[in-house]
Amino acid sequence: MFAYVQIFSGKNNVSYGYVDLSFSKNVLSVSALKGNLREHDIKISVPEISDISSGKYQSWNQMSFMYQGLKYVFIYSGYGGYNYLEDHLMTEMIE
């Protein structure tokens, strides 16, 4: 599933770009497609995610969370991406 992500390290240090998301065995894989992300492939252990929140940003669905001191913000302007992340995060965290 595709999304736009912003990764905040501190108040003024942000990387961003379009990514492909996938889940497997309690790991969220974030693969850079275009942008200025510092890492091309990011592996996020779902049980270590904290402070999950969701809402709207200029009428687009948005979901954010903290992982290893970084804030990840996923923004969706299309259909299905938000539900994909939300459904899989909740399923992985419950198991």
PDB file of N, CA and C in Angstrom:
ATOM      1  N   MET A   1       0.851  -1.163   0.000  1.00  0.00           N
ATOM      2  CA  MET A   1       0.000   0.000   0.000  1.00  0.00           C
ATOM      3  C   MET A   1       0.902   1.233   0.000  1.00  0.00           C
ATOM      4  N   PHE A   2       0.509   2.253  -0.706  1.00  0.00           N
ATOM      5  CA  PHE A   2       1.326   3.455  -0.844  1.00  0.00           C
ATOM      6  C   PHE A   2       0.829   4.573   0.064  1.00  0.00           C
ATOM      7  N   ALA A   3       1.765   5.408   0.529  1.00  0.00           N
ATOM      8  CA  ALA A   3       1.426   6.530   1.405  1.00  0.00           C
ATOM      9  C   ALA A   3       2.522   7.588   1.308  1.00  0.00           C
ATOM     10  N   TYR A   4       2.222   8.742   1.865  1.00  0.00           N
ATOM     11  CA  TYR A   4       3.203   9.808   2.031  1.00  0.00           C
ATOM     12  C   TYR A   4       3.565   9.809   3.508  1.00  0.00           C
ATOM     13  N   VAL A   5       4.845   9.861   3.834  1.00  0.00           N
ATOM     14  CA  VAL A   5       5.264   9.827   5.229  1.00  0.00           C
ATOM     15  C   VAL A   5       6.182  11.004   5.537  1.00  0.00           C
ATOM     16  N   GLN A   6       6.055  11.493   6.758  1.00  0.00           N
ATOM     17  CA  GLN A   6       6.987  12.466   7.322  1.00  0.00           C
ATOM     18  C   GLN A   6       7.568  11.812   8.564  1.00  0.00           C
ATOM     19  N   ILE A   7       8.890  11.893   8.722  1.00  0.00           N
ATOM     20  CA  ILE A   7       9.547  11.320   9.890  1.00  0.00           C
ATOM     21  C   ILE A   7      10.271  12.451  10.605  1.00  0.00           C
ATOM     22  N   PHE A   8       9.826  12.720  11.836  1.00  0.00           N
ATOM     23  CA  PHE A   8      10.365  13.829  12.616  1.00  0.00           C
ATOM     24  C   PHE A   8      11.371  13.314  13.640  1.00  0.00           C
ATOM     25  N   SER A   9      12.551  13.923  13.627  1.00  0.00           N
ATOM     26  CA  SER A   9      13.570  13.672  14.630  1.00  0.00           C
ATOM     27  C   SER A   9      13.850  15.022  15.275  1.00  0.00           C
ATOM     28  N   GLY A  10      13.160  15.321  16.350  1.00  0.00           N
ATOM     29  CA  GLY A  10      13.234  16.651  16.935  1.00  0.00           C
ATOM     30  C   GLY A  10      12.230  17.574  16.279  1.00  0.00           C
ATOM     31  N   LYS A  11      12.252  18.819  16.687  1.00  0.00           N
ATOM     32  CA  LYS A  11      11.242  19.776  16.227  1.00  0.00           C
ATOM     33  C   LYS A  11      11.427  20.205  14.772  1.00  0.00           C
ATOM     34  N   ASN A  12      12.651  20.444  14.349  1.00  0.00           N
ATOM     35  CA  ASN A  12      12.893  21.002  13.014  1.00  0.00           C
ATOM     36  C   ASN A  12      13.592  20.053  12.044  1.00  0.00           C
ATOM     37  N   ASN A  13      13.785  18.818  12.437  1.00  0.00           N
ATOM     38  CA  ASN A  13      14.486  17.865  11.585  1.00  0.00           C
ATOM     39  C   ASN A  13      13.482  16.851  11.042  1.00  0.00           C
ATOM     40  N   VAL A  14      13.141  16.979   9.757  1.00  0.00           N
ATOM     41  CA  VAL A  14      12.128  16.106   9.162  1.00  0.00           C
ATOM     42  C   VAL A  14      12.619  15.553   7.827  1.00  0.00           C
ATOM     43  N   SER A  15      12.329  14.278   7.598  1.00  0.00           N
ATOM     44  CA  SER A  15      12.523  13.698   6.273  1.00  0.00           C
ATOM     45  C   SER A  15      11.150  13.256   5.791  1.00  0.00           C
ATOM     46  N   TYR A  16      10.980  13.127   4.491  1.00  0.00           N
ATOM     47  CA  TYR A  16       9.646  12.862   3.955  1.00  0.00           C
ATOM     48  C   TYR A  16       9.759  12.178   2.606  1.00  0.00           C
ATOM     49  N   GLY A  17       8.656  11.586   2.183  1.00  0.00           N
ATOM     50  CA  GLY A  17       8.624  10.979   0.864  1.00  0.00           C
ATOM     51  C   GLY A  17       7.462  10.024   0.707  1.00  0.00           C
ATOM     52  N   TYR A  18       7.340   9.526  -0.509  1.00  0.00           N
ATOM     53  CA  TYR A  18       6.322   8.520  -0.811  1.00  0.00           C
ATOM     54  C   TYR A  18       6.918   7.149  -0.545  1.00  0.00           C
ATOM     55  N   VAL A  19       6.111   6.283   0.062  1.00  0.00           N
ATOM     56  CA  VAL A  19       6.603   4.975   0.473  1.00  0.00           C
ATOM     57  C   VAL A  19       5.605   3.870   0.130  1.00  0.00           C
ATOM     58  N   ASP A  20       6.107   2.661   0.132  1.00  0.00           N
ATOM     59  CA  ASP A  20       5.289   1.460   0.020  1.00  0.00           C
ATOM     60  C   ASP A  20       5.310   0.799   1.392  1.00  0.00           C
ATOM     61  N   LEU A  21       4.141   0.400   1.888  1.00  0.00           N
ATOM     62  CA  LEU A  21       4.019  -0.214   3.207  1.00  0.00           C
ATOM     63  C   LEU A  21       3.631  -1.676   3.075  1.00  0.00           C
ATOM     64  N   SER A  22       4.176  -2.499   3.964  1.00  0.00           N
ATOM     65  CA  SER A  22       3.731  -3.889   4.042  1.00  0.00           C
ATOM     66  C   SER A  22       3.945  -4.396   5.466  1.00  0.00           C
ATOM     67  N   PHE A  23       3.159  -5.390   5.844  1.00  0.00           N
ATOM     68  CA  PHE A  23       3.242  -5.996   7.169  1.00  0.00           C
ATOM     69  C   PHE A  23       3.603  -7.461   7.038  1.00  0.00           C
ATOM     70  N   SER A  24       4.445  -7.941   7.969  1.00  0.00           N
ATOM     71  CA  SER A  24       4.763  -9.362   8.042  1.00  0.00           C
ATOM     72  C   SER A  24       5.319  -9.671   9.427  1.00  0.00           C
ATOM     73  N   LYS A  25       4.689 -10.580  10.133  1.00  0.00           N
ATOM     74  CA  LYS A  25       5.179 -11.072  11.427  1.00  0.00           C
ATOM     75  C   LYS A  25       5.536  -9.950  12.397  1.00  0.00           C
ATOM     76  N   ASN A  26       4.587  -9.078  12.681  1.00  0.00           N
ATOM     77  CA  ASN A  26       4.758  -7.973  13.633  1.00  0.00           C
ATOM     78  C   ASN A  26       5.783  -6.929  13.204  1.00  0.00           C
ATOM     79  N   VAL A  27       6.067  -6.847  11.914  1.00  0.00           N
ATOM     80  CA  VAL A  27       6.998  -5.841  11.403  1.00  0.00           C
ATOM     81  C   VAL A  27       6.317  -5.055  10.288  1.00  0.00           C
ATOM     82  N   LEU A  28       6.347  -3.733  10.420  1.00  0.00           N
ATOM     83  CA  LEU A  28       5.884  -2.829   9.370  1.00  0.00           C
ATOM     84  C   LEU A  28       7.109  -2.449   8.547  1.00  0.00           C
ATOM     85  N   SER A  29       7.089  -2.767   7.268  1.00  0.00           N
ATOM     86  CA  SER A  29       8.190  -2.406   6.368  1.00  0.00           C
ATOM     87  C   SER A  29       7.803  -1.163   5.591  1.00  0.00           C
ATOM     88  N   VAL A  30       8.673  -0.166   5.625  1.00  0.00           N
ATOM     89  CA  VAL A  30       8.459   1.100   4.934  1.00  0.00           C
ATOM     90  C   VAL A  30       9.577   1.241   3.905  1.00  0.00           C
ATOM     91  N   SER A  31       9.229   1.164   2.627  1.00  0.00           N
ATOM     92  CA  SER A  31      10.220   1.237   1.548  1.00  0.00           C
ATOM     93  C   SER A  31      10.057   2.538   0.780  1.00  0.00           C
ATOM     94  N   ALA A  32      11.118   3.324   0.716  1.00  0.00           N
ATOM     95  CA  ALA A  32      11.080   4.624   0.044  1.00  0.00           C
ATOM     96  C   ALA A  32      10.891   4.460  -1.459  1.00  0.00           C
ATOM     97  N   LEU A  33      10.026   5.289  -2.024  1.00  0.00           N
ATOM     98  CA  LEU A  33       9.816   5.333  -3.469  1.00  0.00           C
ATOM     99  C   LEU A  33      10.352   6.635  -4.053  1.00  0.00           C
ATOM    100  N   LYS A  34      10.086   7.755  -3.361  1.00  0.00           N
ATOM    101  CA  LYS A  34      10.525   9.071  -3.830  1.00  0.00           C
ATOM    102  C   LYS A  34      10.514  10.028  -2.650  1.00  0.00           C
ATOM    103  N   GLY A  35      11.518  10.892  -2.575  1.00  0.00           N
ATOM    104  CA  GLY A  35      11.575  11.866  -1.495  1.00  0.00           C
ATOM    105  C   GLY A  35      12.963  11.940  -0.904  1.00  0.00           C
ATOM    106  N   ASN A  36      13.057  12.470   0.310  1.00  0.00           N
ATOM    107  CA  ASN A  36      14.367  12.632   0.947  1.00  0.00           C
ATOM    108  C   ASN A  36      14.487  11.828   2.242  1.00  0.00           C
ATOM    109  N   LEU A  37      13.934  10.633   2.270  1.00  0.00           N
ATOM    110  CA  LEU A  37      14.064   9.790   3.451  1.00  0.00           C
ATOM    111  C   LEU A  37      15.518   9.388   3.638  1.00  0.00           C
ATOM    112  N   ARG A  38      15.968   9.386   4.876  1.00  0.00           N
ATOM    113  CA  ARG A  38      17.364   9.068   5.165  1.00  0.00           C
ATOM    114  C   ARG A  38      17.676   7.586   4.965  1.00  0.00           C
ATOM    115  N   GLU A  39      16.669   6.735   5.145  1.00  0.00           N
ATOM    116  CA  GLU A  39      16.848   5.300   4.948  1.00  0.00           C
ATOM    117  C   GLU A  39      15.913   4.835   3.847  1.00  0.00           C
ATOM    118  N   HIS A  40      16.381   3.919   3.016  1.00  0.00           N
ATOM    119  CA  HIS A  40      15.548   3.418   1.920  1.00  0.00           C
ATOM    120  C   HIS A  40      14.553   2.366   2.407  1.00  0.00           C
ATOM    121  N   ASP A  41      14.989   1.477   3.294  1.00  0.00           N
ATOM    122  CA  ASP A  41      14.118   0.439   3.853  1.00  0.00           C
ATOM    123  C   ASP A  41      14.123   0.545   5.370  1.00  0.00           C
ATOM    124  N   ILE A  42      12.952   0.781   5.940  1.00  0.00           N
ATOM    125  CA  ILE A  42      12.806   0.930   7.383  1.00  0.00           C
ATOM    126  C   ILE A  42      11.960  -0.227   7.892  1.00  0.00           C
ATOM    127  N   LYS A  43      12.435  -0.900   8.917  1.00  0.00           N
ATOM    128  CA  LYS A  43      11.697  -1.990   9.558  1.00  0.00           C
ATOM    129  C   LYS A  43      11.260  -1.511  10.942  1.00  0.00           C
ATOM    130  N   ILE A  44       9.959  -1.561  11.202  1.00  0.00           N
ATOM    131  CA  ILE A  44       9.397  -1.079  12.460  1.00  0.00           C
ATOM    132  C   ILE A  44       8.739  -2.249  13.180  1.00  0.00           C
ATOM    133  N   SER A  45       9.220  -2.549  14.371  1.00  0.00           N
ATOM    134  CA  SER A  45       8.632  -3.604  15.190  1.00  0.00           C
ATOM    135  C   SER A  45       7.324  -3.082  15.789  1.00  0.00           C
ATOM    136  N   VAL A  46       6.209  -3.649  15.368  1.00  0.00           N
ATOM    137  CA  VAL A  46       4.893  -3.144  15.776  1.00  0.00           C
ATOM    138  C   VAL A  46       4.717  -3.103  17.297  1.00  0.00           C
ATOM    139  N   PRO A  47       5.158  -4.113  18.062  1.00  0.00           N
ATOM    140  CA  PRO A  47       4.977  -4.032  19.516  1.00  0.00           C
ATOM    141  C   PRO A  47       5.709  -2.856  20.176  1.00  0.00           C
ATOM    142  N   GLU A  48       6.697  -2.283  19.501  1.00  0.00           N
ATOM    143  CA  GLU A  48       7.453  -1.163  20.058  1.00  0.00           C
ATOM    144  C   GLU A  48       6.863   0.201  19.702  1.00  0.00           C
ATOM    145  N   ILE A  49       5.803   0.221  18.915  1.00  0.00           N
ATOM    146  CA  ILE A  49       5.148   1.476  18.535  1.00  0.00           C
ATOM    147  C   ILE A  49       4.370   2.020  19.726  1.00  0.00           C
ATOM    148  N   SER A  50       4.404   3.349  19.900  1.00  0.00           N
ATOM    149  CA  SER A  50       3.630   3.985  20.972  1.00  0.00           C
ATOM    150  C   SER A  50       2.956   5.249  20.447  1.00  0.00           C
ATOM    151  N   ASP A  51       2.078   5.794  21.250  1.00  0.00           N
ATOM    152  CA  ASP A  51       1.410   7.077  20.973  1.00  0.00           C
ATOM    153  C   ASP A  51       0.737   7.121  19.602  1.00  0.00           C
ATOM    154  N   ILE A  52      -0.014   6.095  19.270  1.00  0.00           N
ATOM    155  CA  ILE A  52      -0.726   6.075  17.989  1.00  0.00           C
ATOM    156  C   ILE A  52      -1.879   7.066  18.035  1.00  0.00           C
ATOM    157  N   SER A  53      -1.989   7.874  16.989  1.00  0.00           N
ATOM    158  CA  SER A  53      -3.127   8.793  16.883  1.00  0.00           C
ATOM    159  C   SER A  53      -3.541   8.905  15.421  1.00  0.00           C
ATOM    160  N   SER A  54      -4.790   9.308  15.221  1.00  0.00           N
ATOM    161  CA  SER A  54      -5.285   9.494  13.859  1.00  0.00           C
ATOM    162  C   SER A  54      -6.166  10.724  13.819  1.00  0.00           C
ATOM    163  N   GLY A  55      -6.340  11.256  12.630  1.00  0.00           N
ATOM    164  CA  GLY A  55      -7.149  12.450  12.454  1.00  0.00           C
ATOM    165  C   GLY A  55      -7.135  12.892  11.006  1.00  0.00           C
ATOM    166  N   LYS A  56      -7.353  14.168  10.811  1.00  0.00           N
ATOM    167  CA  LYS A  56      -7.392  14.745   9.468  1.00  0.00           C
ATOM    168  C   LYS A  56      -6.322  15.823   9.342  1.00  0.00           C
ATOM    169  N   TYR A  57      -5.761  15.936   8.148  1.00  0.00           N
ATOM    170  CA  TYR A  57      -4.854  17.023   7.793  1.00  0.00           C
ATOM    171  C   TYR A  57      -5.333  17.553   6.451  1.00  0.00           C
ATOM    172  N   GLN A  58      -5.886  18.745   6.436  1.00  0.00           N
ATOM    173  CA  GLN A  58      -6.447  19.354   5.227  1.00  0.00           C
ATOM    174  C   GLN A  58      -7.367  18.376   4.503  1.00  0.00           C
ATOM    175  N   SER A  59      -8.258  17.755   5.226  1.00  0.00           N
ATOM    176  CA  SER A  59      -9.275  16.791   4.784  1.00  0.00           C
ATOM    177  C   SER A  59      -8.698  15.431   4.377  1.00  0.00           C
ATOM    178  N   TRP A  60      -7.411  15.206   4.541  1.00  0.00           N
ATOM    179  CA  TRP A  60      -6.805  13.906   4.252  1.00  0.00           C
ATOM    180  C   TRP A  60      -6.667  13.128   5.558  1.00  0.00           C
ATOM    181  N   ASN A  61      -6.850  11.835   5.495  1.00  0.00           N
ATOM    182  CA  ASN A  61      -6.652  10.993   6.673  1.00  0.00           C
ATOM    183  C   ASN A  61      -5.178  10.959   7.043  1.00  0.00           C
ATOM    184  N   GLN A  62      -4.936  10.970   8.341  1.00  0.00           N
ATOM    185  CA  GLN A  62      -3.563  10.991   8.844  1.00  0.00           C
ATOM    186  C   GLN A  62      -3.459  10.046  10.034  1.00  0.00           C
ATOM    187  N   MET A  63      -2.367   9.316  10.121  1.00  0.00           N
ATOM    188  CA  MET A  63      -2.088   8.477  11.277  1.00  0.00           C
ATOM    189  C   MET A  63      -0.639   8.706  11.674  1.00  0.00           C
ATOM    190  N   SER A  64      -0.400   8.791  12.984  1.00  0.00           N
ATOM    191  CA  SER A  64       0.968   9.001  13.452  1.00  0.00           C
ATOM    192  C   SER A  64       1.258   8.092  14.641  1.00  0.00           C
ATOM    193  N   PHE A  65       2.552   7.866  14.867  1.00  0.00           N
ATOM    194  CA  PHE A  65       2.984   7.102  16.034  1.00  0.00           C
ATOM    195  C   PHE A  65       4.452   7.397  16.300  1.00  0.00           C
ATOM    196  N   MET A  66       4.904   6.989  17.475  1.00  0.00           N
ATOM    197  CA  MET A  66       6.301   7.120  17.864  1.00  0.00           C
ATOM    198  C   MET A  66       6.964   5.751  17.789  1.00  0.00           C
ATOM    199  N   TYR A  67       8.217   5.744  17.325  1.00  0.00           N
ATOM    200  CA  TYR A  67       8.998   4.515  17.281  1.00  0.00           C
ATOM    201  C   TYR A  67      10.475   4.877  17.417  1.00  0.00           C
ATOM    202  N   GLN A  68      11.107   4.385  18.450  1.00  0.00           N
ATOM    203  CA  GLN A  68      12.528   4.616  18.730  1.00  0.00           C
ATOM    204  C   GLN A  68      12.900   6.097  18.672  1.00  0.00           C
ATOM    205  N   GLY A  69      12.093   6.933  19.309  1.00  0.00           N
ATOM    206  CA  GLY A  69      12.375   8.361  19.404  1.00  0.00           C
ATOM    207  C   GLY A  69      12.029   9.181  18.180  1.00  0.00           C
ATOM    208  N   LEU A  70      11.480   8.555  17.150  1.00  0.00           N
ATOM    209  CA  LEU A  70      11.083   9.265  15.934  1.00  0.00           C
ATOM    210  C   LEU A  70       9.565   9.281  15.829  1.00  0.00           C
ATOM    211  N   LYS A  71       9.029  10.380  15.323  1.00  0.00           N
ATOM    212  CA  LYS A  71       7.592  10.468  15.088  1.00  0.00           C
ATOM    213  C   LYS A  71       7.333  10.221  13.606  1.00  0.00           C
ATOM    214  N   TYR A  72       6.513   9.226  13.313  1.00  0.00           N
ATOM    215  CA  TYR A  72       6.124   8.877  11.946  1.00  0.00           C
ATOM    216  C   TYR A  72       4.714   9.391  11.708  1.00  0.00           C
ATOM    217  N   VAL A  73       4.525  10.141  10.625  1.00  0.00           N
ATOM    218  CA  VAL A  73       3.206  10.658  10.265  1.00  0.00           C
ATOM    219  C   VAL A  73       2.906  10.207   8.840  1.00  0.00           C
ATOM    220  N   PHE A  74       1.852   9.409   8.692  1.00  0.00           N
ATOM    221  CA  PHE A  74       1.422   8.911   7.385  1.00  0.00           C
ATOM    222  C   PHE A  74       0.191   9.688   6.955  1.00  0.00           C
ATOM    223  N   ILE A  75       0.210  10.218   5.727  1.00  0.00           N
ATOM    224  CA  ILE A  75      -0.891  11.033   5.202  1.00  0.00           C
ATOM    225  C   ILE A  75      -1.408  10.365   3.935  1.00  0.00           C
ATOM    226  N   TYR A  76      -2.733  10.250   3.847  1.00  0.00           N
ATOM    227  CA  TYR A  76      -3.377   9.552   2.724  1.00  0.00           C
ATOM    228  C   TYR A  76      -4.344  10.467   2.014  1.00  0.00           C
ATOM    229  N   SER A  77      -4.195  10.597   0.710  1.00  0.00           N
ATOM    230  CA  SER A  77      -5.136  11.380  -0.086  1.00  0.00           C
ATOM    231  C   SER A  77      -6.009  10.480  -0.944  1.00  0.00           C
ATOM    232  N   GLY A  78      -5.708   9.195  -0.965  1.00  0.00           N
ATOM    233  CA  GLY A  78      -6.466   8.255  -1.791  1.00  0.00           C
ATOM    234  C   GLY A  78      -7.282   7.297  -0.956  1.00  0.00           C
ATOM    235  N   TYR A  79      -7.961   6.406  -1.623  1.00  0.00           N
ATOM    236  CA  TYR A  79      -8.840   5.453  -0.960  1.00  0.00           C
ATOM    237  C   TYR A  79      -8.073   4.210  -0.518  1.00  0.00           C
ATOM    238  N   GLY A  80      -8.330   3.743   0.670  1.00  0.00           N
ATOM    239  CA  GLY A  80      -7.829   2.458   1.111  1.00  0.00           C
ATOM    240  C   GLY A  80      -6.550   2.460   1.922  1.00  0.00           C
ATOM    241  N   GLY A  81      -5.651   3.384   1.707  1.00  0.00           N
ATOM    242  CA  GLY A  81      -4.370   3.383   2.398  1.00  0.00           C
ATOM    243  C   GLY A  81      -4.495   3.537   3.894  1.00  0.00           C
ATOM    244  N   TYR A  82      -5.309   4.457   4.319  1.00  0.00           N
ATOM    245  CA  TYR A  82      -5.501   4.702   5.747  1.00  0.00           C
ATOM    246  C   TYR A  82      -6.070   3.458   6.417  1.00  0.00           C
ATOM    247  N   ASN A  83      -7.100   2.875   5.815  1.00  0.00           N
ATOM    248  CA  ASN A  83      -7.717   1.677   6.389  1.00  0.00           C
ATOM    249  C   ASN A  83      -6.729   0.518   6.434  1.00  0.00           C
ATOM    250  N   TYR A  84      -5.887   0.403   5.424  1.00  0.00           N
ATOM    251  CA  TYR A  84      -4.881  -0.659   5.390  1.00  0.00           C
ATOM    252  C   TYR A  84      -3.955  -0.550   6.596  1.00  0.00           C
ATOM    253  N   LEU A  85      -3.404   0.623   6.839  1.00  0.00           N
ATOM    254  CA  LEU A  85      -2.480   0.812   7.953  1.00  0.00           C
ATOM    255  C   LEU A  85      -3.200   0.628   9.283  1.00  0.00           C
ATOM    256  N   GLU A  86      -4.352   1.243   9.425  1.00  0.00           N
ATOM    257  CA  GLU A  86      -5.107   1.148  10.675  1.00  0.00           C
ATOM    258  C   GLU A  86      -5.473  -0.305  10.986  1.00  0.00           C
ATOM    259  N   ASP A  87      -6.034  -1.007  10.022  1.00  0.00           N
ATOM    260  CA  ASP A  87      -6.451  -2.395  10.238  1.00  0.00           C
ATOM    261  C   ASP A  87      -5.272  -3.295  10.589  1.00  0.00           C
ATOM    262  N   HIS A  88      -4.172  -3.156   9.863  1.00  0.00           N
ATOM    263  CA  HIS A  88      -3.019  -4.016  10.116  1.00  0.00           C
ATOM    264  C   HIS A  88      -2.322  -3.674  11.429  1.00  0.00           C
ATOM    265  N   LEU A  89      -2.217  -2.400  11.761  1.00  0.00           N
ATOM    266  CA  LEU A  89      -1.599  -2.029  13.039  1.00  0.00           C
ATOM    267  C   LEU A  89      -2.398  -2.604  14.195  1.00  0.00           C
ATOM    268  N   MET A  90      -3.708  -2.454  14.146  1.00  0.00           N
ATOM    269  CA  MET A  90      -4.547  -2.953  15.230  1.00  0.00           C
ATOM    270  C   MET A  90      -4.469  -4.478  15.322  1.00  0.00           C
ATOM    271  N   THR A  91      -4.503  -5.159  14.201  1.00  0.00           N
ATOM    272  CA  THR A  91      -4.419  -6.620  14.188  1.00  0.00           C
ATOM    273  C   THR A  91      -3.081  -7.089  14.748  1.00  0.00           C
ATOM    274  N   GLU A  92      -1.989  -6.468  14.310  1.00  0.00           N
ATOM    275  CA  GLU A  92      -0.656  -6.863  14.765  1.00  0.00           C
ATOM    276  C   GLU A  92      -0.477  -6.585  16.257  1.00  0.00           C
ATOM    277  N   MET A  93      -1.035  -5.490  16.753  1.00  0.00           N
ATOM    278  CA  MET A  93      -0.857  -5.132  18.155  1.00  0.00           C
ATOM    279  C   MET A  93      -1.686  -6.025  19.074  1.00  0.00           C
ATOM    280  N   ILE A  94      -2.816  -6.519  18.586  1.00  0.00           N
ATOM    281  CA  ILE A  94      -3.670  -7.380  19.398  1.00  0.00           C
ATOM    282  C   ILE A  94      -3.077  -8.779  19.520  1.00  0.00           C
ATOM    283  N   GLU A  95      -2.440  -9.251  18.477  1.00  0.00           N
ATOM    284  CA  GLU A  95      -1.896 -10.630  18.479  1.00  0.00           C
ATOM    285  C   GLU A  95      -0.712 -10.778  19.397  1.00  0.00           C
TER     286      GLU A  95
END
